[in-house]
């Protein structure tokens, strides 16, 4: 049995201070999420997130499914 490869790609929306998070499994789009609007300080901090940071972020309630 082969293991599925999960990747996450994140796009920032500077004017709305939100992020769109796309989760792919084996290269196919699995789910799309959007963060709630953040203040500037939070947004600047989240811009430095790694893929693993975003995986941890998805365990919170600070986003919704698009």
N, C-alpha and C. Protein backbone atom coordinates (compact mmCIF):
# COMPACT_ATOMS: atom_id res chain seq x y z
N UNK A 1 0.84 -1.17 0.00
CA UNK A 1 0.00 0.00 0.00
C UNK A 1 0.89 1.24 0.00
N UNK A 2 0.60 2.17 -0.89
CA UNK A 2 1.43 3.38 -0.97
C UNK A 2 0.86 4.46 -0.06
N UNK A 3 1.75 5.27 0.45
CA UNK A 3 1.35 6.35 1.34
C UNK A 3 0.95 7.56 0.52
N UNK A 4 -0.14 8.22 0.92
CA UNK A 4 -0.58 9.41 0.21
C UNK A 4 0.31 10.59 0.58
N UNK A 5 0.60 11.43 -0.41
CA UNK A 5 1.43 12.60 -0.19
C UNK A 5 0.51 13.81 -0.02
N UNK A 6 0.61 14.45 1.14
CA UNK A 6 -0.20 15.62 1.44
C UNK A 6 0.68 16.87 1.38
N UNK A 7 0.24 17.87 0.62
CA UNK A 7 0.96 19.14 0.55
C UNK A 7 -0.03 20.28 0.81
N UNK A 8 0.52 21.39 1.25
CA UNK A 8 -0.29 22.57 1.52
C UNK A 8 0.35 23.76 0.81
N UNK A 9 -0.50 24.53 0.11
CA UNK A 9 -0.04 25.76 -0.54
C UNK A 9 -0.88 26.90 0.00
N UNK A 10 -0.22 28.01 0.32
CA UNK A 10 -0.90 29.13 0.96
C UNK A 10 -0.66 30.39 0.14
N UNK A 11 -1.75 31.15 -0.05
CA UNK A 11 -1.69 32.42 -0.76
C UNK A 11 -2.17 33.51 0.18
N UNK A 12 -1.40 34.60 0.27
CA UNK A 12 -1.77 35.71 1.14
C UNK A 12 -2.57 36.75 0.37
N UNK A 13 -3.58 37.32 1.02
CA UNK A 13 -4.32 38.45 0.48
C UNK A 13 -3.97 39.64 1.38
N UNK A 14 -3.05 40.48 0.90
CA UNK A 14 -2.53 41.59 1.71
C UNK A 14 -3.62 42.59 2.10
N UNK A 15 -4.50 42.92 1.17
CA UNK A 15 -5.50 43.96 1.46
C UNK A 15 -6.55 43.49 2.46
N UNK A 16 -6.93 42.21 2.42
CA UNK A 16 -7.93 41.70 3.36
C UNK A 16 -7.30 41.08 4.60
N UNK A 17 -5.97 40.92 4.58
CA UNK A 17 -5.22 40.29 5.68
C UNK A 17 -5.77 38.91 6.00
N UNK A 18 -5.94 38.11 4.94
CA UNK A 18 -6.36 36.71 5.07
C UNK A 18 -5.42 35.83 4.26
N UNK A 19 -5.50 34.54 4.50
CA UNK A 19 -4.74 33.56 3.74
C UNK A 19 -5.70 32.53 3.18
N UNK A 20 -5.44 32.09 1.95
CA UNK A 20 -6.17 30.98 1.37
C UNK A 20 -5.25 29.77 1.43
N UNK A 21 -5.74 28.72 2.03
CA UNK A 21 -4.94 27.50 2.25
C UNK A 21 -5.53 26.41 1.37
N UNK A 22 -4.71 25.86 0.48
CA UNK A 22 -5.16 24.76 -0.37
C UNK A 22 -4.41 23.50 0.04
N UNK A 23 -5.19 22.46 0.29
CA UNK A 23 -4.62 21.18 0.72
C UNK A 23 -4.74 20.20 -0.45
N UNK A 24 -3.61 19.62 -0.83
CA UNK A 24 -3.55 18.67 -1.94
C UNK A 24 -3.17 17.30 -1.41
N UNK A 25 -3.78 16.28 -1.98
CA UNK A 25 -3.39 14.90 -1.69
C UNK A 25 -3.04 14.26 -3.02
N UNK A 26 -1.82 13.78 -3.11
CA UNK A 26 -1.27 13.20 -4.34
C UNK A 26 -1.43 14.16 -5.52
N UNK A 27 -1.21 15.46 -5.26
CA UNK A 27 -1.23 16.45 -6.32
C UNK A 27 -2.62 16.93 -6.74
N UNK A 28 -3.66 16.39 -6.14
CA UNK A 28 -5.03 16.80 -6.48
C UNK A 28 -5.62 17.61 -5.34
N UNK A 29 -6.30 18.71 -5.70
CA UNK A 29 -6.90 19.58 -4.69
C UNK A 29 -7.91 18.78 -3.87
N UNK A 30 -7.72 18.80 -2.57
CA UNK A 30 -8.57 18.05 -1.64
C UNK A 30 -9.53 19.00 -0.92
N UNK A 31 -9.01 20.15 -0.46
CA UNK A 31 -9.85 21.11 0.27
C UNK A 31 -9.23 22.50 0.17
N UNK A 32 -10.10 23.50 0.31
CA UNK A 32 -9.67 24.89 0.26
C UNK A 32 -10.26 25.61 1.46
N UNK A 33 -9.40 26.33 2.18
CA UNK A 33 -9.80 27.02 3.40
C UNK A 33 -9.38 28.49 3.32
N UNK A 34 -10.05 29.33 4.11
CA UNK A 34 -9.65 30.73 4.21
C UNK A 34 -9.62 31.10 5.69
N UNK A 35 -8.58 31.82 6.07
CA UNK A 35 -8.47 32.26 7.46
C UNK A 35 -9.46 33.39 7.71
N UNK A 36 -9.80 33.59 8.98
CA UNK A 36 -10.57 34.76 9.32
C UNK A 36 -9.64 35.97 9.20
N UNK A 37 -10.20 37.15 9.08
CA UNK A 37 -9.37 38.34 8.93
C UNK A 37 -8.54 38.55 10.20
N UNK A 38 -7.28 38.93 10.00
CA UNK A 38 -6.34 39.10 11.11
C UNK A 38 -5.97 40.57 11.23
N UNK A 39 -5.47 40.93 12.41
CA UNK A 39 -4.90 42.28 12.51
C UNK A 39 -3.53 42.26 11.84
N UNK A 40 -2.95 43.41 11.62
CA UNK A 40 -1.70 43.49 10.85
C UNK A 40 -0.57 42.72 11.51
N UNK A 41 -0.48 42.78 12.82
CA UNK A 41 0.59 42.08 13.54
C UNK A 41 0.48 40.56 13.36
N UNK A 42 -0.72 40.03 13.53
CA UNK A 42 -0.95 38.59 13.35
C UNK A 42 -0.63 38.18 11.91
N UNK A 43 -1.10 38.99 10.96
CA UNK A 43 -0.89 38.68 9.55
C UNK A 43 0.60 38.61 9.23
N UNK A 44 1.35 39.61 9.69
CA UNK A 44 2.79 39.64 9.44
C UNK A 44 3.48 38.41 10.04
N UNK A 45 3.05 38.00 11.21
CA UNK A 45 3.64 36.83 11.88
C UNK A 45 3.32 35.55 11.10
N UNK A 46 2.07 35.41 10.65
CA UNK A 46 1.65 34.20 9.94
C UNK A 46 2.30 34.08 8.56
N UNK A 47 2.73 35.19 7.99
CA UNK A 47 3.39 35.14 6.68
C UNK A 47 4.67 34.32 6.71
N UNK A 48 5.24 34.16 7.88
CA UNK A 48 6.50 33.40 8.03
C UNK A 48 6.26 31.91 8.25
N UNK A 49 5.01 31.47 8.27
CA UNK A 49 4.69 30.07 8.54
C UNK A 49 5.28 29.12 7.50
N UNK A 50 5.68 27.96 7.99
CA UNK A 50 6.11 26.88 7.12
C UNK A 50 4.91 25.99 6.82
N UNK A 51 5.09 25.01 5.96
CA UNK A 51 4.00 24.08 5.65
C UNK A 51 3.53 23.36 6.92
N UNK A 52 4.46 22.97 7.76
CA UNK A 52 4.08 22.30 9.01
C UNK A 52 3.32 23.24 9.95
N UNK A 53 3.69 24.52 9.96
CA UNK A 53 2.96 25.50 10.76
C UNK A 53 1.51 25.58 10.30
N UNK A 54 1.30 25.57 8.98
CA UNK A 54 -0.07 25.65 8.44
C UNK A 54 -0.85 24.37 8.76
N UNK A 55 -0.19 23.24 8.75
CA UNK A 55 -0.88 21.99 9.13
C UNK A 55 -1.36 22.08 10.57
N UNK A 56 -0.53 22.66 11.44
CA UNK A 56 -0.93 22.86 12.84
C UNK A 56 -2.06 23.89 12.93
N UNK A 57 -1.98 24.94 12.12
CA UNK A 57 -3.00 25.97 12.11
C UNK A 57 -4.37 25.38 11.78
N UNK A 58 -4.41 24.40 10.88
CA UNK A 58 -5.67 23.79 10.49
C UNK A 58 -6.33 23.00 11.62
N UNK A 59 -5.64 22.82 12.72
CA UNK A 59 -6.23 22.17 13.89
C UNK A 59 -6.98 23.18 14.76
N UNK A 60 -6.89 24.47 14.41
CA UNK A 60 -7.58 25.53 15.17
C UNK A 60 -8.96 25.78 14.56
N UNK A 61 -9.64 26.79 15.07
CA UNK A 61 -10.96 27.17 14.55
C UNK A 61 -10.91 28.54 13.87
N UNK A 62 -9.73 28.97 13.45
CA UNK A 62 -9.56 30.32 12.90
C UNK A 62 -9.66 30.37 11.38
N UNK A 63 -10.44 29.46 10.79
CA UNK A 63 -10.60 29.43 9.34
C UNK A 63 -11.95 28.83 9.02
N UNK A 64 -12.31 28.91 7.75
CA UNK A 64 -13.55 28.27 7.28
C UNK A 64 -13.29 27.65 5.92
N UNK A 65 -14.11 26.69 5.56
CA UNK A 65 -13.96 26.00 4.29
C UNK A 65 -14.58 26.83 3.17
N UNK A 66 -13.88 26.92 2.05
CA UNK A 66 -14.35 27.70 0.91
C UNK A 66 -14.92 26.76 -0.12
